C-alpha atoms as a PDB file:
ATOM      1  CA  MET A   1     104.217  76.417-211.263  1.00  0.00           C
ATOM      2  CA  ALA A   2     101.431  73.920-212.016  1.00  0.00           C
ATOM      3  CA  ALA A   3      99.681  74.804-208.761  1.00  0.00           C
ATOM      4  CA  ALA A   4      99.795  78.503-209.625  1.00  0.00           C
ATOM      5  CA  ILE A   5      98.296  77.853-213.080  1.00  0.00           C
ATOM      6  CA  LYS A   6      95.527  75.737-211.550  1.00  0.00           C
ATOM      7  CA  GLU A   7      94.720  78.465-209.031  1.00  0.00           C
ATOM      8  CA  LYS A   8      94.558  81.056-211.810  1.00  0.00           C
ATOM      9  CA  GLN A   9      92.137  78.870-213.780  1.00  0.00           C
ATOM     10  CA  ALA A  10      89.982  78.383-210.692  1.00  0.00           C
ATOM     11  CA  LEU A  11      89.513  82.144-210.444  1.00  0.00           C
ATOM     12  CA  LYS A  12      88.113  82.401-213.974  1.00  0.00           C
ATOM     13  CA  PRO A  13      84.312  82.813-213.688  1.00  0.00           C
ATOM     14  CA  LEU A  14      82.115  80.087-215.158  1.00  0.00           C
ATOM     15  CA  PRO A  15      79.481  81.033-217.726  1.00  0.00           C
ATOM     16  CA  PHE A  16      76.330  82.185-215.922  1.00  0.00           C
ATOM     17  CA  GLN A  17      74.286  79.020-216.570  1.00  0.00           C
ATOM     18  CA  TRP A  18      77.016  76.829-215.067  1.00  0.00           C
ATOM     19  CA  GLN A  19      77.387  79.163-212.074  1.00  0.00           C
ATOM     20  CA  PHE A  20      73.654  78.613-211.588  1.00  0.00           C
ATOM     21  CA  VAL A  21      74.040  74.808-211.697  1.00  0.00           C
ATOM     22  CA  ALA A  22      76.976  74.790-209.259  1.00  0.00           C
ATOM     23  CA  GLY A  23      75.161  77.115-206.856  1.00  0.00           C
ATOM     24  CA  ALA A  24      71.997  75.019-207.035  1.00  0.00           C
ATOM     25  CA  VAL A  25      73.807  71.774-206.207  1.00  0.00           C
ATOM     26  CA  ALA A  26      75.645  73.489-203.339  1.00  0.00           C
ATOM     27  CA  GLY A  27      72.446  74.949-201.882  1.00  0.00           C
ATOM     28  CA  VAL A  28      70.387  71.760-201.978  1.00  0.00           C
ATOM     29  CA  SER A  29      73.284  69.775-200.470  1.00  0.00           C
ATOM     30  CA  GLU A  30      73.502  72.207-197.560  1.00  0.00           C
ATOM     31  CA  ILE A  31      69.782  72.349-196.810  1.00  0.00           C
ATOM     32  CA  LEU A  32      69.273  68.574-196.871  1.00  0.00           C
ATOM     33  CA  THR A  33      72.110  68.227-194.386  1.00  0.00           C
ATOM     34  CA  MET A  34      71.305  71.064-191.981  1.00  0.00           C
ATOM     35  CA  TYR A  35      67.531  71.784-192.193  1.00  0.00           C
ATOM     36  CA  PRO A  36      66.398  70.496-188.735  1.00  0.00           C
ATOM     37  CA  LEU A  37      68.538  73.215-187.148  1.00  0.00           C
ATOM     38  CA  ASP A  38      66.554  75.806-189.117  1.00  0.00           C
ATOM     39  CA  VAL A  39      63.301  74.527-187.593  1.00  0.00           C
ATOM     40  CA  VAL A  40      64.831  74.778-184.106  1.00  0.00           C
ATOM     41  CA  LYS A  41      66.108  78.292-184.855  1.00  0.00           C
ATOM     42  CA  THR A  42      62.653  79.474-185.932  1.00  0.00           C
ATOM     43  CA  ARG A  43      61.006  78.017-182.810  1.00  0.00           C
ATOM     44  CA  PHE A  44      63.428  79.956-180.602  1.00  0.00           C
ATOM     45  CA  GLN A  45      62.962  83.192-182.549  1.00  0.00           C
ATOM     46  CA  LEU A  46      59.173  83.021-182.230  1.00  0.00           C
ATOM     47  CA  GLN A  47      59.360  82.274-178.508  1.00  0.00           C
ATOM     48  CA  VAL A  48      58.744  85.405-176.451  1.00  0.00           C
ATOM     49  CA  GLY A  49      60.444  85.250-173.064  1.00  0.00           C
ATOM     50  CA  THR A  50      60.874  81.688-171.782  1.00  0.00           C
ATOM     51  CA  GLY A  51      57.741  80.441-173.532  1.00  0.00           C
ATOM     52  CA  GLY A  52      56.153  79.046-170.358  1.00  0.00           C
ATOM     53  CA  ALA A  53      55.840  75.315-169.648  1.00  0.00           C
ATOM     54  CA  ASP A  54      55.972  74.468-173.359  1.00  0.00           C
ATOM     55  CA  GLY A  55      58.972  76.716-174.013  1.00  0.00           C
ATOM     56  CA  TYR A  56      62.409  75.548-175.047  1.00  0.00           C
ATOM     57  CA  SER A  57      65.386  75.957-172.731  1.00  0.00           C
ATOM     58  CA  SER A  58      68.120  74.632-175.022  1.00  0.00           C
ATOM     59  CA  ILE A  59      68.716  73.085-178.437  1.00  0.00           C
ATOM     60  CA  GLY A  60      68.597  69.600-176.967  1.00  0.00           C
ATOM     61  CA  ASP A  61      65.353  70.404-175.117  1.00  0.00           C
ATOM     62  CA  CYS A  62      63.849  71.788-178.320  1.00  0.00           C
ATOM     63  CA  PHE A  63      64.771  68.698-180.355  1.00  0.00           C
ATOM     64  CA  LYS A  64      63.444  66.438-177.570  1.00  0.00           C
ATOM     65  CA  LYS A  65      60.101  68.239-177.240  1.00  0.00           C
ATOM     66  CA  ILE A  66      59.530  68.492-180.989  1.00  0.00           C
ATOM     67  CA  ILE A  67      60.188  64.776-181.533  1.00  0.00           C
ATOM     68  CA  LYS A  68      58.199  63.713-178.439  1.00  0.00           C
ATOM     69  CA  ASN A  69      55.187  65.988-178.901  1.00  0.00           C
ATOM     70  CA  GLU A  70      55.007  66.427-182.663  1.00  0.00           C
ATOM     71  CA  GLY A  71      56.953  63.561-184.202  1.00  0.00           C
ATOM     72  CA  PHE A  72      60.337  63.302-185.927  1.00  0.00           C
ATOM     73  CA  GLY A  73      58.901  64.460-189.259  1.00  0.00           C
ATOM     74  CA  THR A  74      58.245  67.897-187.761  1.00  0.00           C
ATOM     75  CA  LEU A  75      61.994  68.542-187.942  1.00  0.00           C
ATOM     76  CA  TYR A  76      61.516  68.629-191.716  1.00  0.00           C
ATOM     77  CA  ARG A  77      58.190  70.478-191.684  1.00  0.00           C
ATOM     78  CA  GLY A  78      58.273  73.348-194.129  1.00  0.00           C
ATOM     79  CA  ILE A  79      61.261  71.994-196.085  1.00  0.00           C
ATOM     80  CA  ILE A  80      59.468  72.082-199.464  1.00  0.00           C
ATOM     81  CA  PRO A  81      59.457  75.901-199.851  1.00  0.00           C
ATOM     82  CA  PRO A  82      63.201  76.236-199.142  1.00  0.00           C
ATOM     83  CA  ILE A  83      63.954  73.229-201.365  1.00  0.00           C
ATOM     84  CA  MET A  84      61.972  74.889-204.151  1.00  0.00           C
ATOM     85  CA  VAL A  85      63.810  78.177-203.721  1.00  0.00           C
ATOM     86  CA  GLU A  86      67.158  76.810-202.554  1.00  0.00           C
ATOM     87  CA  ALA A  87      68.454  75.998-206.019  1.00  0.00           C
ATOM     88  CA  PRO A  88      67.755  79.448-207.528  1.00  0.00           C
ATOM     89  CA  LYS A  89      68.605  81.153-204.198  1.00  0.00           C
ATOM     90  CA  ARG A  90      72.072  79.673-203.788  1.00  0.00           C
ATOM     91  CA  ALA A  91      72.650  79.813-207.507  1.00  0.00           C
ATOM     92  CA  THR A  92      71.753  83.514-207.405  1.00  0.00           C
ATOM     93  CA  LYS A  93      74.062  84.008-204.400  1.00  0.00           C
ATOM     94  CA  PHE A  94      77.134  82.682-206.212  1.00  0.00           C
ATOM     95  CA  ALA A  95      76.238  83.657-209.772  1.00  0.00           C
ATOM     96  CA  ALA A  96      75.268  87.206-208.790  1.00  0.00           C
ATOM     97  CA  ASN A  97      78.424  87.480-206.710  1.00  0.00           C
ATOM     98  CA  GLU A  98      80.502  86.545-209.762  1.00  0.00           C
ATOM     99  CA  GLN A  99      78.597  88.949-212.016  1.00  0.00           C
ATOM    100  CA  TYR A 100      78.813  91.834-209.535  1.00  0.00           C
ATOM    101  CA  THR A 101      82.549  91.167-209.240  1.00  0.00           C
ATOM    102  CA  ILE A 102      82.902  91.779-212.980  1.00  0.00           C
ATOM    103  CA  LEU A 103      80.635  94.857-212.770  1.00  0.00           C
ATOM    104  CA  TYR A 104      82.481  96.501-209.875  1.00  0.00           C
ATOM    105  CA  LYS A 105      85.884  95.806-211.447  1.00  0.00           C
ATOM    106  CA  ASN A 106      84.679  97.521-214.613  1.00  0.00           C
ATOM    107  CA  ILE A 107      83.439 100.503-212.596  1.00  0.00           C
ATOM    108  CA  LEU A 108      86.141 100.783-209.933  1.00  0.00           C
ATOM    109  CA  GLY A 109      89.104  99.222-211.725  1.00  0.00           C
ATOM    110  CA  ASN A 110      90.953  95.939-211.346  1.00  0.00           C
ATOM    111  CA  ASP A 111      93.182  97.310-208.593  1.00  0.00           C
ATOM    112  CA  ILE A 112      90.321  97.599-206.069  1.00  0.00           C
ATOM    113  CA  ASN A 113      91.094  96.020-202.686  1.00  0.00           C
ATOM    114  CA  LYS A 114      89.974  92.352-202.805  1.00  0.00           C
ATOM    115  CA  GLN A 115      88.246  92.386-199.440  1.00  0.00           C
ATOM    116  CA  THR A 116      86.396  95.619-200.225  1.00  0.00           C
ATOM    117  CA  LEU A 117      85.327  94.094-203.532  1.00  0.00           C
ATOM    118  CA  SER A 118      84.128  90.927-201.761  1.00  0.00           C
ATOM    119  CA  ILE A 119      81.992  92.962-199.331  1.00  0.00           C
ATOM    120  CA  LEU A 120      80.488  95.103-202.114  1.00  0.00           C
ATOM    121  CA  THR A 121      79.656  92.111-204.293  1.00  0.00           C
ATOM    122  CA  GLY A 122      78.341  90.144-201.306  1.00  0.00           C
ATOM    123  CA  VAL A 123      75.949  92.919-200.223  1.00  0.00           C
ATOM    124  CA  SER A 124      74.739  93.383-203.809  1.00  0.00           C
ATOM    125  CA  ALA A 125      74.235  89.636-204.299  1.00  0.00           C
ATOM    126  CA  GLY A 126      72.373  89.481-200.975  1.00  0.00           C
ATOM    127  CA  ILE A 127      69.956  92.219-202.018  1.00  0.00           C
ATOM    128  CA  THR A 128      69.320  90.426-205.316  1.00  0.00           C
ATOM    129  CA  GLU A 129      68.783  87.127-203.499  1.00  0.00           C
ATOM    130  CA  ALA A 130      66.365  88.670-200.967  1.00  0.00           C
ATOM    131  CA  PHE A 131      63.744  89.579-203.578  1.00  0.00           C
ATOM    132  CA  LEU A 132      63.672  85.959-204.698  1.00  0.00           C
ATOM    133  CA  VAL A 133      63.277  84.252-201.319  1.00  0.00           C
ATOM    134  CA  VAL A 134      60.691  86.369-199.441  1.00  0.00           C
ATOM    135  CA  PRO A 135      57.488  84.449-200.374  1.00  0.00           C
ATOM    136  CA  PHE A 136      59.155  81.080-199.751  1.00  0.00           C
ATOM    137  CA  GLU A 137      60.506  82.248-196.390  1.00  0.00           C
ATOM    138  CA  LEU A 138      57.077  83.410-195.278  1.00  0.00           C
ATOM    139  CA  VAL A 139      55.411  80.091-196.119  1.00  0.00           C
ATOM    140  CA  LYS A 140      58.250  78.162-194.475  1.00  0.00           C
ATOM    141  CA  ILE A 141      57.981  80.159-191.224  1.00  0.00           C
ATOM    142  CA  ARG A 142      54.203  79.737-191.073  1.00  0.00           C
ATOM    143  CA  LEU A 143      54.664  75.963-191.456  1.00  0.00           C
ATOM    144  CA  GLN A 144      57.449  75.790-188.862  1.00  0.00           C
ATOM    145  CA  ASP A 145      55.488  77.649-186.153  1.00  0.00           C
ATOM    146  CA  LYS A 146      54.019  75.134-183.687  1.00  0.00           C
ATOM    147  CA  GLY A 147      51.099  77.546-183.201  1.00  0.00           C
ATOM    148  CA  ASN A 148      50.037  76.760-186.773  1.00  0.00           C
ATOM    149  CA  ALA A 149      50.030  72.974-186.293  1.00  0.00           C
ATOM    150  CA  GLY A 150      46.916  71.616-187.980  1.00  0.00           C
ATOM    151  CA  LYS A 151      46.199  74.891-189.724  1.00  0.00           C
ATOM    152  CA  TYR A 152      48.006  74.015-192.943  1.00  0.00           C
ATOM    153  CA  ASN A 153      48.120  70.648-194.699  1.00  0.00           C
ATOM    154  CA  GLY A 154      51.439  71.155-196.426  1.00  0.00           C
ATOM    155  CA  THR A 155      53.066  73.762-198.593  1.00  0.00           C
ATOM    156  CA  VAL A 156      50.437  74.152-201.326  1.00  0.00           C
ATOM    157  CA  ASP A 157      47.622  74.342-198.764  1.00  0.00           C
ATOM    158  CA  ALA A 158      49.533  76.954-196.741  1.00  0.00           C
ATOM    159  CA  LEU A 159      50.227  79.030-199.841  1.00  0.00           C
ATOM    160  CA  SER A 160      46.613  78.918-201.034  1.00  0.00           C
ATOM    161  CA  LYS A 161      45.187  79.759-197.578  1.00  0.00           C
ATOM    162  CA  ILE A 162      47.590  82.663-197.080  1.00  0.00           C
ATOM    163  CA  VAL A 163      46.798  84.143-200.491  1.00  0.00           C
ATOM    164  CA  ARG A 164      43.050  83.558-200.149  1.00  0.00           C
ATOM    165  CA  SER A 165      42.653  84.942-196.629  1.00  0.00           C
ATOM    166  CA  GLU A 166      45.367  87.605-196.522  1.00  0.00           C
ATOM    167  CA  GLY A 167      45.958  88.550-200.148  1.00  0.00           C
ATOM    168  CA  PRO A 168      48.884  87.876-202.508  1.00  0.00           C
ATOM    169  CA  LEU A 169      50.894  90.881-201.310  1.00  0.00           C
ATOM    170  CA  THR A 170      51.137  89.196-197.896  1.00  0.00           C
ATOM    171  CA  LEU A 171      53.729  86.889-199.435  1.00  0.00           C
ATOM    172  CA  PHE A 172      56.071  89.879-199.492  1.00  0.00           C
ATOM    173  CA  ASN A 173      55.632  90.806-195.842  1.00  0.00           C
ATOM    174  CA  GLY A 174      59.070  91.191-194.341  1.00  0.00           C
ATOM    175  CA  LEU A 175      60.766  92.153-197.614  1.00  0.00           C
ATOM    176  CA  GLU A 176      62.610  95.061-196.018  1.00  0.00           C
ATOM    177  CA  ALA A 177      63.815  92.856-193.138  1.00  0.00           C
ATOM    178  CA  THR A 178      64.860  90.184-195.614  1.00  0.00           C
ATOM    179  CA  LEU A 179      66.913  92.763-197.530  1.00  0.00           C
ATOM    180  CA  TRP A 180      68.724  93.628-194.293  1.00  0.00           C
ATOM    181  CA  ARG A 181      69.256  89.972-193.398  1.00  0.00           C
ATOM    182  CA  HIS A 182      70.640  88.885-196.759  1.00  0.00           C
ATOM    183  CA  ALA A 183      72.695  91.996-197.514  1.00  0.00           C
ATOM    184  CA  VAL A 184      74.421  91.836-194.135  1.00  0.00           C
ATOM    185  CA  TRP A 185      74.942  88.054-194.245  1.00  0.00           C
ATOM    186  CA  ASN A 186      76.336  87.954-197.774  1.00  0.00           C
ATOM    187  CA  GLY A 187      78.579  90.974-197.241  1.00  0.00           C
ATOM    188  CA  GLY A 188      79.948  89.449-194.052  1.00  0.00           C
ATOM    189  CA  TYR A 189      80.260  85.964-195.567  1.00  0.00           C
ATOM    190  CA  PHE A 190      82.141  86.822-198.761  1.00  0.00           C
ATOM    191  CA  GLY A 191      84.174  89.569-197.104  1.00  0.00           C
ATOM    192  CA  CYS A 192      85.284  87.254-194.296  1.00  0.00           C
ATOM    193  CA  ILE A 193      86.090  84.419-196.716  1.00  0.00           C
ATOM    194  CA  GLN A 194      88.429  86.731-198.610  1.00  0.00           C
ATOM    195  CA  GLY A 195      90.076  87.794-195.351  1.00  0.00           C
ATOM    196  CA  VAL A 196      90.556  84.201-194.183  1.00  0.00           C
ATOM    197  CA  ARG A 197      91.966  83.146-197.557  1.00  0.00           C
ATOM    198  CA  ASN A 198      94.478  85.966-197.301  1.00  0.00           C
ATOM    199  CA  VAL A 199      95.687  84.501-193.994  1.00  0.00           C
ATOM    200  CA  ILE A 200      95.609  80.759-194.757  1.00  0.00           C
ATOM    201  CA  PRO A 201      98.446  79.619-197.054  1.00  0.00           C
ATOM    202  CA  GLU A 202      97.403  78.298-200.466  1.00  0.00           C
ATOM    203  CA  ALA A 203      96.969  74.527-200.522  1.00  0.00           C
ATOM    204  CA  GLN A 204      99.247  72.369-202.647  1.00  0.00           C
ATOM    205  CA  THR A 205      96.858  69.394-202.991  1.00  0.00           C
ATOM    206  CA  PRO A 206      93.178  68.992-203.947  1.00  0.00           C
ATOM    207  CA  ASN A 207      92.292  67.721-200.453  1.00  0.00           C
ATOM    208  CA  GLY A 208      94.188  70.599-198.907  1.00  0.00           C
ATOM    209  CA  ASN A 209      92.233  73.037-201.066  1.00  0.00           C
ATOM    210  CA  LEU A 210      88.944  71.454-199.958  1.00  0.00           C
ATOM    211  CA  ALA A 211      89.975  71.809-196.312  1.00  0.00           C
ATOM    212  CA  ARG A 212      91.037  75.424-196.875  1.00  0.00           C
ATOM    213  CA  ASN A 213      87.708  76.238-198.518  1.00  0.00           C
ATOM    214  CA  PHE A 214      85.721  74.526-195.765  1.00  0.00           C
ATOM    215  CA  VAL A 215      87.548  76.428-193.027  1.00  0.00           C
ATOM    216  CA  ALA A 216      87.139  79.739-194.864  1.00  0.00           C
ATOM    217  CA  GLY A 217      83.454  79.069-195.546  1.00  0.00           C
ATOM    218  CA  ALA A 218      82.730  77.948-191.981  1.00  0.00           C
ATOM    219  CA  ILE A 219      84.423  81.003-190.461  1.00  0.00           C
ATOM    220  CA  GLY A 220      82.662  83.233-192.982  1.00  0.00           C
ATOM    221  CA  GLY A 221      79.285  81.646-192.199  1.00  0.00           C
ATOM    222  CA  THR A 222      79.808  82.053-188.459  1.00  0.00           C
ATOM    223  CA  PHE A 223      80.896  85.695-188.747  1.00  0.00           C
ATOM    224  CA  ALA A 224      77.986  86.535-191.053  1.00  0.00           C
ATOM    225  CA  THR A 225      75.539  84.895-188.645  1.00  0.00           C
ATOM    226  CA  ILE A 226      76.822  87.018-185.767  1.00  0.00           C
ATOM    227  CA  LEU A 227      76.177  90.130-187.868  1.00  0.00           C
ATOM    228  CA  ASN A 228      72.699  89.340-189.169  1.00  0.00           C
ATOM    229  CA  THR A 229      70.883  87.394-186.430  1.00  0.00           C
ATOM    230  CA  PRO A 230      69.058  90.457-184.953  1.00  0.00           C
ATOM    231  CA  PHE A 231      67.615  91.190-188.411  1.00  0.00           C
ATOM    232  CA  ASP A 232      66.656  87.528-188.792  1.00  0.00           C
ATOM    233  CA  VAL A 233      64.791  87.523-185.456  1.00  0.00           C
ATOM    234  CA  VAL A 234      62.724  90.543-186.522  1.00  0.00           C
ATOM    235  CA  LYS A 235      62.138  89.126-190.005  1.00  0.00           C
ATOM    236  CA  THR A 236      60.793  85.895-188.545  1.00  0.00           C
ATOM    237  CA  ARG A 237      58.379  87.754-186.281  1.00  0.00           C
ATOM    238  CA  ILE A 238      57.185  90.075-189.047  1.00  0.00           C
ATOM    239  CA  GLN A 239      56.468  87.183-191.402  1.00  0.00           C
ATOM    240  CA  ASN A 240      54.602  85.178-188.770  1.00  0.00           C
ATOM    241  CA  GLN A 241      52.068  87.985-188.194  1.00  0.00           C
ATOM    242  CA  SER A 242      48.896  86.884-189.946  1.00  0.00           C
ATOM    243  CA  LYS A 243      45.996  89.069-191.050  1.00  0.00           C
ATOM    244  CA  GLY A 244      43.778  90.101-188.152  1.00  0.00           C
ATOM    245  CA  SER A 245      46.552  89.883-185.572  1.00  0.00           C
ATOM    246  CA  ILE A 246      48.057  92.953-183.948  1.00  0.00           C
ATOM    247  CA  LYS A 247      50.998  94.034-186.122  1.00  0.00           C
ATOM    248  CA  LYS A 248      53.598  94.609-183.462  1.00  0.00           C
ATOM    249  CA  TYR A 249      56.559  94.491-185.843  1.00  0.00           C
ATOM    250  CA  ASN A 250      56.463  96.432-189.107  1.00  0.00           C
ATOM    251  CA  TRP A 251      59.936  97.707-189.973  1.00  0.00           C
ATOM    252  CA  THR A 252      63.329  96.208-189.202  1.00  0.00           C
ATOM    253  CA  LEU A 253      65.181  98.803-187.128  1.00  0.00           C
ATOM    254  CA  PRO A 254      62.121  99.754-185.029  1.00  0.00           C
ATOM    255  CA  GLY A 255      61.508  96.024-184.627  1.00  0.00           C
ATOM    256  CA  VAL A 256      65.048  95.506-183.343  1.00  0.00           C
ATOM    257  CA  ALA A 257      64.437  98.351-180.871  1.00  0.00           C
ATOM    258  CA  ILE A 258      61.168  96.775-179.649  1.00  0.00           C
ATOM    259  CA  VAL A 259      62.784  93.371-179.047  1.00  0.00           C
ATOM    260  CA  TYR A 260      65.705  95.005-177.234  1.00  0.00           C
ATOM    261  CA  ARG A 261      63.460  97.205-175.086  1.00  0.00           C
ATOM    262  CA  GLU A 262      60.966  94.492-174.106  1.00  0.00           C
ATOM    263  CA  GLU A 263      63.147  91.373-173.950  1.00  0.00           C
ATOM    264  CA  GLY A 264      66.728  92.567-173.652  1.00  0.00           C
ATOM    265  CA  PHE A 265      69.826  92.291-175.834  1.00  0.00           C
ATOM    266  CA  ARG A 266      69.999  88.487-175.647  1.00  0.00           C
ATOM    267  CA  ALA A 267      66.593  88.223-177.311  1.00  0.00           C
ATOM    268  CA  LEU A 268      68.117  89.705-180.483  1.00  0.00           C
ATOM    269  CA  TYR A 269      70.197  86.533-180.683  1.00  0.00           C
ATOM    270  CA  LYS A 270      67.411  84.033-180.080  1.00  0.00           C
ATOM    271  CA  GLY A 271      68.052  80.964-182.188  1.00  0.00           C
ATOM    272  CA  PHE A 272      71.682  81.999-182.654  1.00  0.00           C
ATOM    273  CA  VAL A 273      73.211  78.689-181.565  1.00  0.00           C
ATOM    274  CA  PRO A 274      71.189  76.439-183.904  1.00  0.00           C
ATOM    275  CA  LYS A 275      71.579  79.056-186.633  1.00  0.00           C
ATOM    276  CA  VAL A 276      75.358  79.250-186.287  1.00  0.00           C
ATOM    277  CA  LEU A 277      75.579  75.452-186.001  1.00  0.00           C
ATOM    278  CA  ARG A 278      73.799  75.342-189.337  1.00  0.00           C
ATOM    279  CA  LEU A 279      75.335  78.277-191.169  1.00  0.00           C
ATOM    280  CA  GLY A 280      78.880  77.848-189.834  1.00  0.00           C
ATOM    281  CA  PRO A 281      79.421  74.323-191.159  1.00  0.00           C
ATOM    282  CA  GLY A 282      76.761  75.058-193.770  1.00  0.00           C
ATOM    283  CA  GLY A 283      78.856  77.926-195.108  1.00  0.00           C
ATOM    284  CA  GLY A 284      81.752  75.494-195.405  1.00  0.00           C
ATOM    285  CA  ILE A 285      79.578  72.926-197.190  1.00  0.00           C
ATOM    286  CA  LEU A 286      78.312  75.591-199.598  1.00  0.00           C
ATOM    287  CA  LEU A 287      81.782  76.757-200.564  1.00  0.00           C
ATOM    288  CA  VAL A 288      83.270  73.257-200.868  1.00  0.00           C
ATOM    289  CA  VAL A 289      80.402  71.877-202.965  1.00  0.00           C
ATOM    290  CA  PHE A 290      80.253  74.992-205.153  1.00  0.00           C
ATOM    291  CA  ASP A 291      83.988  74.897-205.858  1.00  0.00           C
ATOM    292  CA  THR A 292      83.973  71.120-206.387  1.00  0.00           C
ATOM    293  CA  VAL A 293      81.049  71.211-208.820  1.00  0.00           C
ATOM    294  CA  SER A 294      82.598  74.213-210.591  1.00  0.00           C
ATOM    295  CA  SER A 295      85.855  72.268-211.037  1.00  0.00           C
ATOM    296  CA  LEU A 296      83.976  69.236-212.401  1.00  0.00           C
ATOM    297  CA  ILE A 297      82.095  71.440-214.868  1.00  0.00           C
ATOM    298  CA  ARG A 298      85.342  73.038-216.053  1.00  0.00           C
ATOM    299  CA  LYS A 299      87.003  69.641-216.462  1.00  0.00           C
ATOM    300  CA  HIS A 300      84.202  67.509-217.926  1.00  0.00           C
ATOM    301  CA  VAL A 301      81.791  69.987-219.570  1.00  0.00           C
ATOM    302  CA  LEU A 302      83.846  72.987-220.633  1.00  0.00           C
ATOM    303  CA  MET A 303      86.901  70.781-221.186  1.00  0.00           C
ATOM    304  CA  ASP A 304      89.305  73.305-219.669  1.00  0.00           C
ATOM    305  CA  ALA A 305      92.797  71.939-219.510  1.00  0.00           C
END
């Protein structure tokens, strides 16, 4: 009986400002833990074909060459933009998901299928999140590209040079691809989490609940990554096209077609392994930290019984 009451309380949405705090803590925790894999993912996605003598053949080879040729700190190059946006981004992901849940229940009724609701709210939250992250993603990708080594002296310098030489609207290059990436990922993530939770029995202990959430989040993150990686590959290439270069990629679906036609189906999943290694466990970390911080806020701030 006590476990059922606790579960019911856990489903009650936090006030928006506390959803924002919990999401921010979850997002920063995940990025500090998993960021080097994001650098490796971007290097693979920008590599056309095998990349020649300086190309990367595997994750281990990529890590080895980056550390040997560019230094260990390169694995954290470009981390400032995502750190700056990570708090509002992840906070938006979870807070918007909660708010869209309320909205869709009001529109479609409380008896809507839970998994359908999770997919709808996830896609909507992803679209909302995408508008926020585009400029930060573009700066991050420019910093992560080894072809830009020496071109930018950090985040502020990169931002100022991009705006000065290419115009402020350049910061929103790849918006349409980002909408695809985030809508698909969030819909897959939250929808899969709901499906996994329906299968896994409810935990009877706090540690059991943490384990259940981590498993659900990790499976959700992996599934979502499988769905959205082709859009992520195209987004990365669009955002790395600077002014004056030939704009080979402009829109997402035509971009997917170009990559498939010129490089084959596997190229649409370049960077998939480091990405799934990050976003699989990372999805688990996000969900566990968000739920843990939410519980602490309910207990110590809101004083819920």
